[in-house]
N, C-alpha and C. Protein backbone atom coordinates (compact mmCIF):
# COMPACT_ATOMS: atom_id res chain seq x y z
N MET A 1 105.62 67.41 121.33
CA MET A 1 105.30 68.34 120.25
C MET A 1 106.10 67.57 118.83
N GLU A 2 105.30 67.72 117.88
CA GLU A 2 106.09 67.12 116.71
C GLU A 2 106.75 68.19 116.11
N HIS A 3 107.97 67.85 115.39
CA HIS A 3 108.97 68.60 114.64
C HIS A 3 108.31 69.59 113.73
N TYR A 4 107.17 69.20 112.96
CA TYR A 4 106.66 70.31 111.98
C TYR A 4 105.77 71.25 112.79
N GLU A 5 105.49 71.22 114.01
CA GLU A 5 104.75 72.22 114.58
C GLU A 5 105.71 73.28 115.08
N THR A 6 106.98 72.81 115.06
CA THR A 6 107.87 73.96 115.60
C THR A 6 108.08 74.94 114.61
N LEU A 7 108.10 74.85 113.43
CA LEU A 7 108.33 75.74 112.11
C LEU A 7 106.99 76.69 112.10
N GLU A 8 105.82 75.89 112.26
CA GLU A 8 104.58 76.81 112.19
C GLU A 8 104.49 77.69 113.27
N ARG A 9 105.00 77.26 114.73
CA ARG A 9 105.08 78.16 115.62
C ARG A 9 106.04 79.21 115.55
N ALA A 10 107.26 78.89 114.87
CA ALA A 10 108.07 79.94 114.58
C ALA A 10 107.64 81.10 113.66
N LEU A 11 106.94 80.74 112.69
CA LEU A 11 106.39 81.48 111.68
C LEU A 11 105.57 82.54 112.42
N GLY A 12 104.44 81.89 113.34
CA GLY A 12 103.44 82.71 114.29
C GLY A 12 104.42 83.63 115.09
N VAL A 13 105.58 83.47 115.83
CA VAL A 13 106.21 84.07 116.56
C VAL A 13 106.67 85.29 115.67
N LEU A 14 107.26 85.04 114.68
CA LEU A 14 107.83 86.31 113.67
C LEU A 14 106.71 87.31 113.41
N VAL A 15 105.76 86.64 112.90
CA VAL A 15 104.42 87.71 112.59
C VAL A 15 103.93 88.46 113.89
N CYS A 16 103.71 87.68 115.03
CA CYS A 16 103.40 88.23 116.30
C CYS A 16 104.35 89.30 116.69
N THR A 17 105.65 89.06 116.86
CA THR A 17 106.52 90.15 117.18
C THR A 17 106.49 91.18 116.14
N PHE A 18 106.38 91.24 115.11
CA PHE A 18 106.31 92.41 114.05
C PHE A 18 105.07 93.11 114.55
N GLN A 19 103.84 92.50 114.87
CA GLN A 19 102.59 93.25 115.04
C GLN A 19 102.72 93.73 116.60
N ARG A 20 103.29 93.05 117.33
CA ARG A 20 103.26 93.66 118.82
C ARG A 20 104.01 94.99 118.85
N TYR A 21 105.11 95.14 118.12
CA TYR A 21 106.03 96.28 118.40
C TYR A 21 105.37 97.37 117.31
N CYS A 22 104.85 96.94 116.12
CA CYS A 22 104.63 98.14 115.45
C CYS A 22 103.17 98.78 115.85
N GLN A 23 102.44 98.28 116.73
CA GLN A 23 101.37 98.98 117.31
C GLN A 23 101.63 99.85 118.49
N LYS A 24 102.91 100.14 118.74
CA LYS A 24 103.08 101.06 119.94
C LYS A 24 103.23 102.40 119.34
N GLU A 25 103.39 102.83 118.25
CA GLU A 25 103.17 104.51 117.98
C GLU A 25 103.06 104.39 116.48
N GLY A 26 102.57 105.56 116.13
CA GLY A 26 102.35 105.99 114.70
C GLY A 26 101.66 105.04 113.85
N ASP A 27 102.09 104.85 112.68
CA ASP A 27 101.29 103.81 111.92
C ASP A 27 101.36 102.32 112.47
N GLN A 28 100.33 101.85 112.49
CA GLN A 28 100.09 100.40 113.05
C GLN A 28 100.55 99.42 112.08
N ARG A 29 101.07 99.71 111.04
CA ARG A 29 101.55 98.64 110.01
C ARG A 29 102.78 98.55 109.84
N THR A 30 103.58 99.59 110.55
CA THR A 30 105.06 99.78 110.08
C THR A 30 105.76 99.89 111.45
N LEU A 31 106.92 99.56 111.44
CA LEU A 31 107.81 99.83 112.65
C LEU A 31 108.70 101.20 112.27
N SER A 32 108.46 102.05 113.39
CA SER A 32 109.12 103.23 113.30
C SER A 32 110.81 102.96 113.80
N LYS A 33 111.54 104.11 113.65
CA LYS A 33 113.01 103.60 114.19
C LYS A 33 112.98 103.26 115.47
N GLY A 34 112.25 103.99 116.57
CA GLY A 34 112.25 103.70 118.00
C GLY A 34 111.71 102.11 118.25
N GLU A 35 110.65 101.82 117.35
CA GLU A 35 109.95 100.54 117.49
C GLU A 35 111.02 99.51 117.18
N LEU A 36 111.43 99.63 116.11
CA LEU A 36 112.41 98.70 115.55
C LEU A 36 113.71 98.64 116.54
N LYS A 37 114.12 99.95 117.15
CA LYS A 37 115.28 99.50 118.07
C LYS A 37 114.80 98.70 119.38
N GLU A 38 113.70 99.27 119.75
CA GLU A 38 113.31 98.46 120.97
C GLU A 38 113.08 96.94 120.56
N LEU A 39 112.56 96.57 119.31
CA LEU A 39 112.42 95.06 119.00
C LEU A 39 113.77 94.38 118.85
N LEU A 40 114.59 95.26 118.31
CA LEU A 40 116.17 94.47 118.41
C LEU A 40 116.78 94.35 119.75
N GLU A 41 116.43 95.39 120.56
CA GLU A 41 117.06 95.12 122.12
C GLU A 41 116.29 94.07 122.95
N LYS A 42 115.09 94.26 122.74
CA LYS A 42 114.26 92.94 123.48
C LYS A 42 114.32 91.38 123.13
N GLU A 43 114.08 91.60 121.54
CA GLU A 43 114.02 90.19 121.12
C GLU A 43 115.26 89.56 120.73
N LEU A 44 116.39 90.20 120.59
CA LEU A 44 117.74 89.79 120.28
C LEU A 44 118.60 90.13 121.33
N PRO A 45 118.42 89.78 122.43
CA PRO A 45 119.42 90.44 123.72
C PRO A 45 120.98 89.91 123.40
N SER A 46 121.23 89.14 122.63
CA SER A 46 122.53 88.73 122.50
C SER A 46 123.31 89.75 121.56
N LEU A 47 122.59 90.62 121.05
CA LEU A 47 123.38 91.63 120.33
C LEU A 47 123.96 92.76 121.37
N LYS A 48 123.49 92.65 122.58
CA LYS A 48 124.11 93.52 123.57
C LYS A 48 125.67 93.09 123.69
N THR A 49 125.89 91.81 123.70
CA THR A 49 127.29 91.41 123.75
C THR A 49 128.40 91.59 122.59
N VAL A 50 127.76 91.90 121.63
CA VAL A 50 128.56 92.16 120.34
C VAL A 50 128.85 93.67 120.33
N GLU A 51 130.19 93.96 120.29
CA GLU A 51 130.55 95.46 119.91
C GLU A 51 130.03 95.99 118.52
N ILE A 52 129.10 97.00 118.49
CA ILE A 52 128.46 97.63 117.35
C ILE A 52 129.16 98.94 117.22
N LYS A 53 129.66 99.08 116.01
CA LYS A 53 130.09 100.37 115.62
C LYS A 53 129.08 101.80 115.94
N ASP A 54 129.62 102.94 116.08
CA ASP A 54 128.84 103.98 115.95
C ASP A 54 128.06 103.96 114.87
N GLY A 55 126.86 104.55 114.63
CA GLY A 55 126.27 104.68 113.35
C GLY A 55 125.71 103.42 112.75
N ALA A 56 125.96 102.20 113.41
CA ALA A 56 125.43 100.83 112.88
C ALA A 56 123.92 100.74 112.84
N PHE A 57 122.95 101.22 113.83
CA PHE A 57 121.60 101.07 113.83
C PHE A 57 121.04 102.02 112.67
N GLU A 58 121.88 103.15 112.59
CA GLU A 58 121.15 104.15 111.43
C GLU A 58 121.42 103.34 110.09
N GLU A 59 122.59 102.60 109.96
CA GLU A 59 122.88 102.23 108.77
C GLU A 59 121.92 100.96 108.65
N LEU A 60 121.70 100.11 109.55
CA LEU A 60 120.85 98.97 109.29
C LEU A 60 119.33 99.53 109.00
N MET A 61 118.78 100.79 109.61
CA MET A 61 117.52 101.30 109.23
C MET A 61 117.58 101.75 107.78
N SER A 62 118.65 102.43 107.41
CA SER A 62 118.69 102.60 105.97
C SER A 62 118.66 101.43 104.95
N LEU A 63 119.44 100.34 105.39
CA LEU A 63 119.41 99.30 104.48
C LEU A 63 118.16 98.58 104.37
N LEU A 64 117.38 98.43 105.74
CA LEU A 64 116.06 97.65 105.48
C LEU A 64 115.15 98.56 105.00
N ASP A 65 115.02 100.07 105.10
CA ASP A 65 113.94 100.87 104.51
C ASP A 65 114.30 101.01 103.22
N THR A 66 113.82 99.97 102.32
CA THR A 66 113.96 99.96 101.01
C THR A 66 113.31 101.11 100.15
N ASN A 67 111.98 101.64 100.62
CA ASN A 67 111.11 102.61 100.00
C ASN A 67 111.38 103.69 100.55
N LYS A 68 112.45 103.94 101.44
CA LYS A 68 112.87 105.05 101.91
C LYS A 68 111.60 106.32 102.54
N ASP A 69 110.83 105.52 103.68
CA ASP A 69 109.83 106.23 104.10
C ASP A 69 109.97 106.26 105.71
N ASN A 70 110.99 106.11 106.07
CA ASN A 70 111.54 106.11 107.45
C ASN A 70 110.66 105.29 108.32
N GLN A 71 110.15 104.05 107.93
CA GLN A 71 109.39 102.94 108.46
C GLN A 71 109.89 101.89 107.97
N ILE A 72 109.55 100.72 108.63
CA ILE A 72 110.22 99.34 108.33
C ILE A 72 108.59 98.62 108.28
N ASP A 73 108.24 98.19 107.11
CA ASP A 73 107.02 97.54 106.77
C ASP A 73 107.33 96.22 106.64
N PHE A 74 106.34 95.25 106.86
CA PHE A 74 106.33 93.91 107.06
C PHE A 74 107.36 93.26 106.01
N GLU A 75 107.30 93.59 104.92
CA GLU A 75 108.19 92.92 104.00
C GLU A 75 109.72 93.40 104.15
N GLU A 76 109.86 94.57 104.48
CA GLU A 76 111.22 95.00 104.84
C GLU A 76 111.94 94.23 106.24
N TYR A 77 111.01 94.02 107.07
CA TYR A 77 111.26 93.37 108.33
C TYR A 77 111.66 91.90 107.91
N ILE A 78 110.62 91.09 107.09
CA ILE A 78 111.06 89.92 106.59
C ILE A 78 112.59 89.80 106.08
N ARG A 79 112.79 90.73 105.27
CA ARG A 79 114.06 90.67 104.62
C ARG A 79 115.39 90.52 105.57
N PHE A 80 115.05 91.41 106.64
CA PHE A 80 115.91 91.42 107.91
C PHE A 80 115.89 90.14 108.56
N ILE A 81 114.71 89.54 108.74
CA ILE A 81 114.71 88.34 109.25
C ILE A 81 115.52 87.09 108.49
N THR A 82 115.30 87.32 107.05
CA THR A 82 115.85 86.41 106.08
C THR A 82 117.42 86.44 106.43
N ALA A 83 118.09 87.72 106.25
CA ALA A 83 119.32 87.91 106.47
C ALA A 83 119.77 87.21 107.82
N ALA A 84 119.18 87.56 108.90
CA ALA A 84 119.56 86.91 110.06
C ALA A 84 119.46 85.59 110.20
N CYS A 85 118.67 84.93 109.60
CA CYS A 85 118.46 83.41 109.56
C CYS A 85 119.64 82.81 108.69
N THR A 86 120.06 83.57 107.65
CA THR A 86 121.27 83.02 106.75
C THR A 86 122.32 83.31 107.53
N PHE A 87 122.63 84.18 108.30
CA PHE A 87 123.71 84.42 109.05
C PHE A 87 123.82 83.31 110.19
N VAL A 88 122.88 83.08 110.79
CA VAL A 88 122.82 81.95 111.86
C VAL A 88 122.95 80.73 111.32
N HIS A 89 122.38 80.38 110.21
CA HIS A 89 122.54 79.04 109.22
C HIS A 89 124.09 78.82 108.92
N ASP A 90 124.54 79.98 108.49
CA ASP A 90 126.24 79.84 108.13
C ASP A 90 126.82 79.68 109.31
N PHE A 91 126.70 80.29 110.25
CA PHE A 91 127.32 80.14 111.52
C PHE A 91 127.36 78.85 112.34
N PHE A 92 126.11 78.11 112.16
CA PHE A 92 126.05 76.73 112.71
C PHE A 92 125.89 75.80 111.96
N LYS A 93 126.09 75.85 110.48
CA LYS A 93 126.06 74.99 109.38
C LYS A 93 126.95 73.64 109.70
N ASP A 94 127.88 73.63 110.39
CA ASP A 94 128.74 72.28 110.63
C ASP A 94 128.46 71.86 112.01
N SER A 95 127.35 72.44 112.75
CA SER A 95 127.08 72.00 114.11
C SER A 95 125.90 70.99 114.13
N PRO A 96 125.75 70.11 115.07
CA PRO A 96 124.64 69.25 115.14
C PRO A 96 123.30 70.12 115.04
N ALA A 97 122.08 69.63 114.58
CA ALA A 97 120.89 70.34 114.64
C ALA A 97 120.14 69.88 115.59
N VAL A 98 120.59 70.73 116.78
CA VAL A 98 119.78 70.75 118.07
C VAL A 98 119.51 72.08 118.56
N GLN A 99 118.41 72.27 119.25
CA GLN A 99 117.96 73.34 119.83
C GLN A 99 118.54 73.69 121.15
N PRO A 100 118.71 74.74 121.86
CA PRO A 100 118.42 75.94 121.35
C PRO A 100 119.82 76.49 120.56
N ARG A 101 119.54 77.16 119.57
CA ARG A 101 120.83 77.93 118.96
C ARG A 101 121.14 79.25 119.53
N VAL A 102 122.05 79.46 120.44
CA VAL A 102 122.41 80.66 120.90
C VAL A 102 123.84 81.05 120.86
């Protein structure tokens, strides 16, 4: 696989992941609180190893839900992905550019 295909595949994974979870209940174009929680638990399993303070999920939901409709739309989801990518970039910035990053 050529390296340029990796980014294209990653973009597809981000979009398909959102679509797969938002279609489980309610509005088919947004993530409910439950859908977001399931997405985070299943797609970011390393979060289970981090001690997270009480109320952290509700705080995250509130920060992501910029239009305050109690749902996470695709743009709000992408803001989360951007913040997560920035965090991972900062964490690994002095490491060799090799996969996987876990």
